[in-house]
Amino acid sequence: MKNYLVPLVICLFFTVSFGYGQQMTVDDEITLIQEAFGNDKKMIVESYMDLPESIAPVFWTVYQAYELERKAIARDRIKIIDEYLNKYSSLGEYEADDLAKRTIKNDMQLSKLHSKYYKKFKKATSAIDAAKFLQIDTYIHNTIRNALQQELPFIGEN
């Protein structure tokens, strides 16, 4: 299962690189990233979940609603990162504080979303399937976050 994530992360980075080479707005770039990421993520989730036909339609209905809400949180996260990249070499106290607080708030929003949708997935399928989904979703997001974190400069780094 973890081997599927390497192409996903590579696809994400190629999408990001392609977007930054064009004259696009941040929102356009985010839309491209989310489209590529969403398609690859769904394939991985589908493969990992391996749901029986009797519950798959209900799961995917909940999944689509989850993804709509998650994308809004991810969009905010990408904007925070973009702002950080534009300001990191000259961050003052206020900017650093604001970016840190927004990042913490964004993390909390994702955790609340997981809690909310765990209940919905559990009701639609089972506790096992709901936990399984959260496990793969968390794994995917942590893998991407770790890869991105390795590329981001530290505050004060030139």
Protein backbone atom coordinates (compact mmCIF):
# COMPACT_ATOMS: atom_id res chain seq x y z
CA MET A 1 0.00 0.00 0.00
CA LYS A 2 2.75 2.45 0.86
CA ASN A 3 4.32 1.90 -2.55
CA TYR A 4 1.29 3.55 -4.18
CA LEU A 5 2.08 6.81 -2.40
CA VAL A 6 5.42 7.46 -4.06
CA PRO A 7 3.80 8.11 -7.47
CA LEU A 8 1.17 10.26 -5.76
CA VAL A 9 3.79 12.48 -4.15
CA ILE A 10 5.76 12.64 -7.41
CA CYS A 11 2.58 13.61 -9.27
CA LEU A 12 1.90 16.30 -6.70
CA PHE A 13 5.38 17.79 -7.09
CA PHE A 14 5.19 17.72 -10.89
CA THR A 15 1.83 19.47 -10.73
CA VAL A 16 3.23 22.10 -8.38
CA SER A 17 6.29 22.62 -10.58
CA PHE A 18 4.18 22.86 -13.73
CA GLY A 19 1.84 25.37 -12.11
CA TYR A 20 4.62 27.66 -10.94
CA GLY A 21 6.18 27.72 -14.40
CA GLN A 22 3.02 29.29 -15.87
CA GLN A 23 1.39 32.66 -15.26
CA MET A 24 -1.33 31.41 -12.95
CA THR A 25 -2.97 32.64 -9.80
CA VAL A 26 -2.49 30.77 -6.55
CA ASP A 27 -6.12 29.64 -6.77
CA ASP A 28 -5.53 28.22 -10.28
CA GLU A 29 -2.47 26.36 -9.04
CA ILE A 30 -4.36 24.98 -6.06
CA THR A 31 -7.16 23.79 -8.33
CA LEU A 32 -4.67 21.94 -10.55
CA ILE A 33 -2.97 20.36 -7.55
CA GLN A 34 -6.26 19.29 -6.00
CA GLU A 35 -7.54 17.78 -9.26
CA ALA A 36 -4.41 15.67 -9.74
CA PHE A 37 -4.21 14.77 -6.09
CA GLY A 38 -7.92 13.96 -5.83
CA ASN A 39 -7.86 11.47 -8.71
CA ASP A 40 -4.77 9.68 -7.46
CA LYS A 41 -5.99 9.70 -3.87
CA LYS A 42 -9.34 8.17 -4.81
CA MET A 43 -7.58 5.32 -6.66
CA ILE A 44 -5.42 4.62 -3.61
CA VAL A 45 -8.38 4.75 -1.22
CA GLU A 46 -10.43 2.51 -3.49
CA SER A 47 -7.65 -0.05 -3.68
CA TYR A 48 -6.94 0.01 0.04
CA MET A 49 -10.56 -0.02 1.21
CA ASP A 50 -11.57 -2.93 -1.06
CA LEU A 51 -15.24 -2.46 -0.19
CA PRO A 52 -17.94 -4.97 -1.02
CA GLU A 53 -20.42 -3.82 -3.66
CA SER A 54 -23.19 -3.70 -1.07
CA ILE A 55 -21.64 -0.80 0.90
CA ALA A 56 -19.37 0.86 -1.68
CA PRO A 57 -21.99 3.34 -2.99
CA VAL A 58 -22.77 4.64 0.50
CA PHE A 59 -19.07 4.90 1.35
CA TRP A 60 -18.32 6.90 -1.82
CA THR A 61 -21.21 9.27 -1.14
CA VAL A 62 -19.76 10.05 2.30
CA TYR A 63 -16.27 10.22 0.79
CA GLN A 64 -17.34 12.85 -1.76
CA ALA A 65 -18.84 15.02 0.99
CA TYR A 66 -15.67 14.55 3.06
CA GLU A 67 -13.44 15.51 0.13
CA LEU A 68 -15.40 18.72 -0.50
CA GLU A 69 -14.78 19.84 3.08
CA ARG A 70 -11.20 18.57 3.14
CA LYS A 71 -10.34 20.43 -0.06
CA ALA A 72 -11.34 23.72 1.53
CA ILE A 73 -9.02 23.01 4.46
CA ALA A 74 -6.24 21.92 2.09
CA ARG A 75 -6.73 25.08 0.00
CA ASP A 76 -6.19 27.18 3.13
CA ARG A 77 -3.11 25.11 4.00
CA ILE A 78 -1.59 25.67 0.57
CA LYS A 79 -2.27 29.40 0.82
CA ILE A 80 -0.51 29.49 4.20
CA ILE A 81 2.50 27.71 2.67
CA ASP A 82 2.48 30.04 -0.35
CA GLU A 83 2.38 33.09 1.91
CA TYR A 84 5.19 31.65 4.01
CA LEU A 85 7.33 31.07 0.93
CA ASN A 86 6.76 34.65 -0.18
CA LYS A 87 7.65 36.10 3.23
CA TYR A 88 10.01 33.67 5.01
CA SER A 89 13.20 35.63 4.34
CA SER A 90 11.78 38.76 5.93
CA LEU A 91 9.35 37.44 8.54
CA GLY A 92 8.74 39.75 11.44
CA GLU A 93 7.18 38.87 14.78
CA TYR A 94 3.65 39.62 13.61
CA GLU A 95 3.92 37.61 10.35
CA ALA A 96 5.54 34.62 12.06
CA ASP A 97 2.89 34.65 14.79
CA ASP A 98 0.05 34.94 12.26
CA LEU A 99 1.37 32.10 10.07
CA ALA A 100 1.93 29.85 13.09
CA LYS A 101 -1.56 30.48 14.47
CA ARG A 102 -3.17 29.89 11.07
CA THR A 103 -1.22 26.64 10.68
CA ILE A 104 -2.36 25.42 14.11
CA LYS A 105 -5.96 26.37 13.32
CA ASN A 106 -5.72 24.52 9.98
CA ASP A 107 -4.41 21.40 11.73
CA MET A 108 -7.29 21.56 14.20
CA GLN A 109 -9.82 21.93 11.37
CA LEU A 110 -8.51 18.74 9.76
CA SER A 111 -8.68 16.87 13.07
CA LYS A 112 -12.27 18.05 13.61
CA LEU A 113 -13.13 16.99 10.08
CA HIS A 114 -11.70 13.53 10.73
CA SER A 115 -13.74 13.25 13.92
CA LYS A 116 -16.93 14.38 12.18
CA TYR A 117 -16.49 12.05 9.23
CA TYR A 118 -15.31 9.06 11.25
CA LYS A 119 -18.83 8.99 12.69
CA LYS A 120 -20.38 9.30 9.22
CA PHE A 121 -18.16 6.59 7.69
CA LYS A 122 -18.82 4.32 10.67
CA LYS A 123 -22.59 4.76 10.30
CA ALA A 124 -22.42 4.17 6.55
CA THR A 125 -20.10 1.15 6.73
CA SER A 126 -18.53 -0.14 9.97
CA ALA A 127 -16.05 0.91 12.62
CA ILE A 128 -13.38 -1.16 10.87
CA ASP A 129 -13.97 0.53 7.51
CA ALA A 130 -14.17 3.98 9.09
CA ALA A 131 -10.92 3.45 10.99
CA LYS A 132 -9.32 2.00 7.88
CA PHE A 133 -10.26 5.08 5.87
CA LEU A 134 -8.93 7.46 8.52
CA GLN A 135 -5.70 5.47 8.66
CA ILE A 136 -5.07 5.72 4.92
CA ASP A 137 -6.21 9.34 4.74
CA THR A 138 -3.91 10.33 7.60
CA TYR A 139 -1.06 8.36 6.06
CA ILE A 140 -1.48 10.10 2.69
CA HIS A 141 -1.64 13.56 4.21
CA ASN A 142 1.28 12.98 6.56
CA THR A 143 3.41 11.62 3.72
CA ILE A 144 2.70 14.67 1.58
CA ARG A 145 3.22 17.05 4.49
CA ASN A 146 6.54 15.44 5.31
CA ALA A 147 7.67 15.67 1.69
CA LEU A 148 6.63 19.32 1.51
CA GLN A 149 8.25 20.09 4.86
CA GLN A 150 11.56 18.77 3.56
CA GLU A 151 11.36 21.30 0.71
CA LEU A 152 10.34 24.32 2.81
CA PRO A 153 13.11 26.53 4.17
CA PHE A 154 13.27 27.04 7.92
CA ILE A 155 12.60 30.50 9.30
CA GLY A 156 15.81 32.47 9.18
CA GLU A 157 17.39 30.12 6.65
CA ASN A 158 18.81 31.86 3.58
